[in-house]
Amino acid sequence: MIIVRDVVDKWACFQCPGGCGETIKLSLGKNRRPRWTAVPDWLKRPTISPSVRQTNECRCHFWIRQGRIDWCKGSPQKTTRST
């Protein structure tokens, strides 16, 4: 889900695909650090950049490309999931 305020994308929020149950909130604000970009394709599937790394006990590391989870090499999770 993309949170928009005053026609500006603010946050990308979604459940961690690693199974820990945490809600991940990524800042999309241009003046914030760190920040990510979220670009939908024509089917409104998000591509988020850069990658997302969980630093909690989950320890997963992944990309979101066209709504799919692509696990980074070395991440504990290896299956591909859709957001």
N, C-alpha and C. Protein backbone atom coordinates (compact mmCIF):
# COMPACT_ATOMS: atom_id res chain seq x y z
N MET A 1 0.83 -1.16 0.00
CA MET A 1 0.00 0.00 0.00
C MET A 1 0.89 1.24 0.00
N ILE A 2 0.55 2.20 -0.84
CA ILE A 2 1.28 3.47 -0.89
C ILE A 2 0.43 4.51 -0.16
N ILE A 3 1.02 5.17 0.82
CA ILE A 3 0.35 6.24 1.56
C ILE A 3 0.66 7.55 0.86
N VAL A 4 -0.38 8.28 0.47
CA VAL A 4 -0.23 9.55 -0.26
C VAL A 4 -0.84 10.67 0.59
N ARG A 5 -0.13 11.79 0.66
CA ARG A 5 -0.65 12.98 1.35
C ARG A 5 -0.40 14.17 0.45
N ASP A 6 -1.45 14.94 0.18
CA ASP A 6 -1.34 16.13 -0.68
C ASP A 6 -0.71 15.76 -2.03
N VAL A 7 -1.20 14.69 -2.63
CA VAL A 7 -0.76 14.15 -3.93
C VAL A 7 0.73 13.78 -3.99
N VAL A 8 1.36 13.58 -2.84
CA VAL A 8 2.76 13.19 -2.79
C VAL A 8 2.86 11.83 -2.11
N ASP A 9 3.57 10.88 -2.73
CA ASP A 9 3.80 9.58 -2.12
C ASP A 9 4.66 9.76 -0.88
N LYS A 10 4.19 9.23 0.27
CA LYS A 10 4.92 9.39 1.54
C LYS A 10 5.54 8.10 2.03
N TRP A 11 4.77 6.99 2.01
CA TRP A 11 5.23 5.73 2.59
C TRP A 11 4.78 4.55 1.74
N ALA A 12 5.59 3.51 1.68
CA ALA A 12 5.19 2.20 1.16
C ALA A 12 5.11 1.28 2.37
N CYS A 13 3.95 0.68 2.58
CA CYS A 13 3.73 -0.17 3.76
C CYS A 13 3.26 -1.55 3.31
N PHE A 14 3.85 -2.60 3.90
CA PHE A 14 3.47 -3.97 3.56
C PHE A 14 3.98 -4.93 4.63
N GLN A 15 3.40 -6.12 4.68
CA GLN A 15 3.84 -7.15 5.61
C GLN A 15 5.16 -7.74 5.13
N CYS A 16 6.04 -8.01 6.05
CA CYS A 16 7.32 -8.62 5.70
C CYS A 16 7.08 -9.97 5.04
N PRO A 17 7.65 -10.20 3.86
CA PRO A 17 7.46 -11.48 3.19
C PRO A 17 8.25 -12.62 3.82
N GLY A 18 9.12 -12.30 4.78
CA GLY A 18 9.93 -13.32 5.43
C GLY A 18 9.19 -14.13 6.48
N GLY A 19 7.96 -13.70 6.81
CA GLY A 19 7.15 -14.46 7.74
C GLY A 19 7.23 -14.02 9.19
N CYS A 20 7.96 -12.94 9.49
CA CYS A 20 8.08 -12.50 10.88
C CYS A 20 6.84 -11.74 11.36
N GLY A 21 5.97 -11.32 10.42
CA GLY A 21 4.74 -10.63 10.79
C GLY A 21 4.89 -9.12 10.94
N GLU A 22 6.10 -8.60 10.81
CA GLU A 22 6.32 -7.17 10.97
C GLU A 22 5.77 -6.39 9.78
N THR A 23 5.22 -5.21 10.05
CA THR A 23 4.81 -4.31 8.98
C THR A 23 6.01 -3.45 8.63
N ILE A 24 6.41 -3.51 7.37
CA ILE A 24 7.55 -2.71 6.89
C ILE A 24 7.00 -1.39 6.38
N LYS A 25 7.62 -0.29 6.79
CA LYS A 25 7.24 1.05 6.35
C LYS A 25 8.47 1.71 5.75
N LEU A 26 8.42 1.93 4.43
CA LEU A 26 9.54 2.55 3.73
C LEU A 26 9.21 3.99 3.37
N SER A 27 10.09 4.91 3.70
CA SER A 27 9.88 6.31 3.39
C SER A 27 10.08 6.55 1.89
N LEU A 28 9.13 7.25 1.29
CA LEU A 28 9.22 7.63 -0.11
C LEU A 28 9.49 9.14 -0.26
N GLY A 29 9.61 9.84 0.88
CA GLY A 29 9.81 11.28 0.87
C GLY A 29 11.14 11.68 0.27
N LYS A 30 11.12 12.62 -0.66
CA LYS A 30 12.34 13.03 -1.35
C LYS A 30 13.36 13.69 -0.44
N ASN A 31 12.93 14.24 0.68
CA ASN A 31 13.85 14.91 1.60
C ASN A 31 14.23 14.04 2.78
N ARG A 32 13.87 12.76 2.77
CA ARG A 32 14.16 11.87 3.89
C ARG A 32 15.28 10.91 3.53
N ARG A 33 16.01 10.48 4.53
CA ARG A 33 17.07 9.48 4.35
C ARG A 33 16.90 8.44 5.44
N PRO A 34 16.95 7.17 5.18
CA PRO A 34 16.97 6.61 3.83
C PRO A 34 15.62 6.79 3.15
N ARG A 35 15.59 6.60 1.84
CA ARG A 35 14.35 6.69 1.09
C ARG A 35 14.34 5.69 -0.04
N TRP A 36 13.16 5.33 -0.46
CA TRP A 36 12.96 4.38 -1.55
C TRP A 36 12.07 5.04 -2.60
N THR A 37 12.02 4.44 -3.76
CA THR A 37 11.07 4.86 -4.79
C THR A 37 10.12 3.69 -5.03
N ALA A 38 8.88 4.00 -5.32
CA ALA A 38 7.88 2.99 -5.64
C ALA A 38 7.23 3.40 -6.96
N VAL A 39 7.39 2.57 -7.97
CA VAL A 39 6.88 2.88 -9.30
C VAL A 39 5.94 1.74 -9.72
N PRO A 40 4.67 2.05 -9.99
CA PRO A 40 3.75 1.00 -10.43
C PRO A 40 3.88 0.75 -11.94
N ASP A 41 3.65 -0.50 -12.35
CA ASP A 41 3.58 -0.78 -13.78
C ASP A 41 2.14 -0.58 -14.24
N TRP A 42 1.83 -0.93 -15.46
CA TRP A 42 0.49 -0.66 -15.99
C TRP A 42 -0.59 -1.49 -15.30
N LEU A 43 -0.20 -2.57 -14.60
CA LEU A 43 -1.14 -3.36 -13.81
C LEU A 43 -1.17 -2.92 -12.34
N LYS A 44 -0.46 -1.81 -12.04
CA LYS A 44 -0.36 -1.24 -10.70
C LYS A 44 0.43 -2.12 -9.73
N ARG A 45 1.31 -2.97 -10.27
CA ARG A 45 2.20 -3.77 -9.44
C ARG A 45 3.43 -2.92 -9.13
N PRO A 46 3.81 -2.81 -7.84
CA PRO A 46 4.93 -1.92 -7.49
C PRO A 46 6.29 -2.52 -7.76
N THR A 47 7.21 -1.64 -8.16
CA THR A 47 8.64 -1.93 -8.14
C THR A 47 9.24 -0.94 -7.17
N ILE A 48 9.92 -1.47 -6.15
CA ILE A 48 10.49 -0.63 -5.10
C ILE A 48 12.00 -0.73 -5.17
N SER A 49 12.64 0.43 -5.07
CA SER A 49 14.10 0.49 -5.16
C SER A 49 14.61 1.44 -4.10
N PRO A 50 15.73 1.18 -3.46
CA PRO A 50 16.59 0.01 -3.58
C PRO A 50 15.98 -1.20 -2.86
N SER A 51 16.79 -2.22 -2.63
CA SER A 51 16.31 -3.44 -1.97
C SER A 51 15.92 -3.14 -0.52
N VAL A 52 15.26 -4.11 0.10
CA VAL A 52 14.81 -4.00 1.49
C VAL A 52 15.54 -5.06 2.30
N ARG A 53 16.16 -4.63 3.40
CA ARG A 53 16.87 -5.57 4.29
C ARG A 53 16.28 -5.44 5.69
N GLN A 54 15.79 -6.55 6.20
CA GLN A 54 15.28 -6.60 7.57
C GLN A 54 16.45 -6.82 8.51
N THR A 55 16.52 -6.01 9.56
CA THR A 55 17.60 -6.17 10.53
C THR A 55 17.11 -6.84 11.81
N ASN A 56 15.83 -7.24 11.85
CA ASN A 56 15.32 -7.95 13.02
C ASN A 56 15.70 -9.43 12.92
N GLU A 57 15.07 -10.28 13.73
CA GLU A 57 15.41 -11.71 13.73
C GLU A 57 15.12 -12.39 12.39
N CYS A 58 14.28 -11.80 11.57
CA CYS A 58 13.92 -12.33 10.25
C CYS A 58 15.15 -12.37 9.32
N ARG A 59 15.91 -11.28 9.30
CA ARG A 59 17.16 -11.16 8.55
C ARG A 59 17.01 -11.34 7.04
N CYS A 60 15.81 -11.13 6.51
CA CYS A 60 15.63 -11.32 5.07
C CYS A 60 16.07 -10.07 4.29
N HIS A 61 16.39 -10.30 3.03
CA HIS A 61 16.86 -9.23 2.15
C HIS A 61 16.27 -9.52 0.77
N PHE A 62 15.57 -8.53 0.20
CA PHE A 62 14.83 -8.79 -1.02
C PHE A 62 14.60 -7.53 -1.83
N TRP A 63 14.25 -7.72 -3.10
CA TRP A 63 13.79 -6.68 -4.01
C TRP A 63 12.30 -6.90 -4.25
N ILE A 64 11.58 -5.84 -4.54
CA ILE A 64 10.20 -5.95 -5.01
C ILE A 64 10.20 -5.44 -6.44
N ARG A 65 9.89 -6.34 -7.37
CA ARG A 65 9.88 -5.99 -8.79
C ARG A 65 8.57 -6.46 -9.40
N GLN A 66 7.81 -5.52 -9.90
CA GLN A 66 6.50 -5.78 -10.50
C GLN A 66 5.63 -6.63 -9.56
N GLY A 67 5.66 -6.26 -8.27
CA GLY A 67 4.83 -6.91 -7.27
C GLY A 67 5.34 -8.26 -6.79
N ARG A 68 6.48 -8.70 -7.28
CA ARG A 68 7.05 -10.00 -6.89
C ARG A 68 8.24 -9.79 -5.96
N ILE A 69 8.42 -10.72 -5.06
CA ILE A 69 9.57 -10.70 -4.16
C ILE A 69 10.70 -11.49 -4.82
N ASP A 70 11.84 -10.84 -5.00
CA ASP A 70 13.05 -11.50 -5.49
C ASP A 70 14.06 -11.48 -4.35
N TRP A 71 14.34 -12.66 -3.80
CA TRP A 71 15.24 -12.75 -2.66
C TRP A 71 16.69 -12.52 -3.09
N CYS A 72 17.41 -11.79 -2.27
CA CYS A 72 18.83 -11.56 -2.53
C CYS A 72 19.63 -12.81 -2.14
N LYS A 73 20.73 -13.00 -2.80
CA LYS A 73 21.61 -14.13 -2.49
C LYS A 73 22.02 -14.06 -1.03
N GLY A 74 21.92 -15.18 -0.34
CA GLY A 74 22.29 -15.23 1.07
C GLY A 74 21.15 -14.96 2.02
N SER A 75 19.99 -14.53 1.52
CA SER A 75 18.84 -14.31 2.38
C SER A 75 18.28 -15.66 2.82
N PRO A 76 17.81 -15.77 4.07
CA PRO A 76 17.29 -17.07 4.54
C PRO A 76 16.09 -17.57 3.72
N GLN A 77 15.29 -16.69 3.10
CA GLN A 77 14.12 -17.09 2.34
C GLN A 77 14.51 -17.25 0.87
N LYS A 78 14.00 -18.26 0.23
CA LYS A 78 14.36 -18.51 -1.15
C LYS A 78 13.14 -18.62 -2.07
N THR A 79 11.94 -18.65 -1.55
CA THR A 79 10.77 -18.78 -2.40
C THR A 79 10.35 -17.41 -2.89
N THR A 80 9.72 -17.34 -4.05
CA THR A 80 9.27 -16.09 -4.62
C THR A 80 7.80 -15.91 -4.26
N ARG A 81 7.46 -14.72 -3.77
CA ARG A 81 6.09 -14.41 -3.38
C ARG A 81 5.65 -13.13 -4.02
N SER A 82 4.34 -12.94 -4.12
CA SER A 82 3.78 -11.68 -4.62
C SER A 82 3.34 -10.84 -3.45
N THR A 83 3.45 -9.49 -3.59
CA THR A 83 3.00 -8.60 -2.53
C THR A 83 1.54 -8.33 -2.66
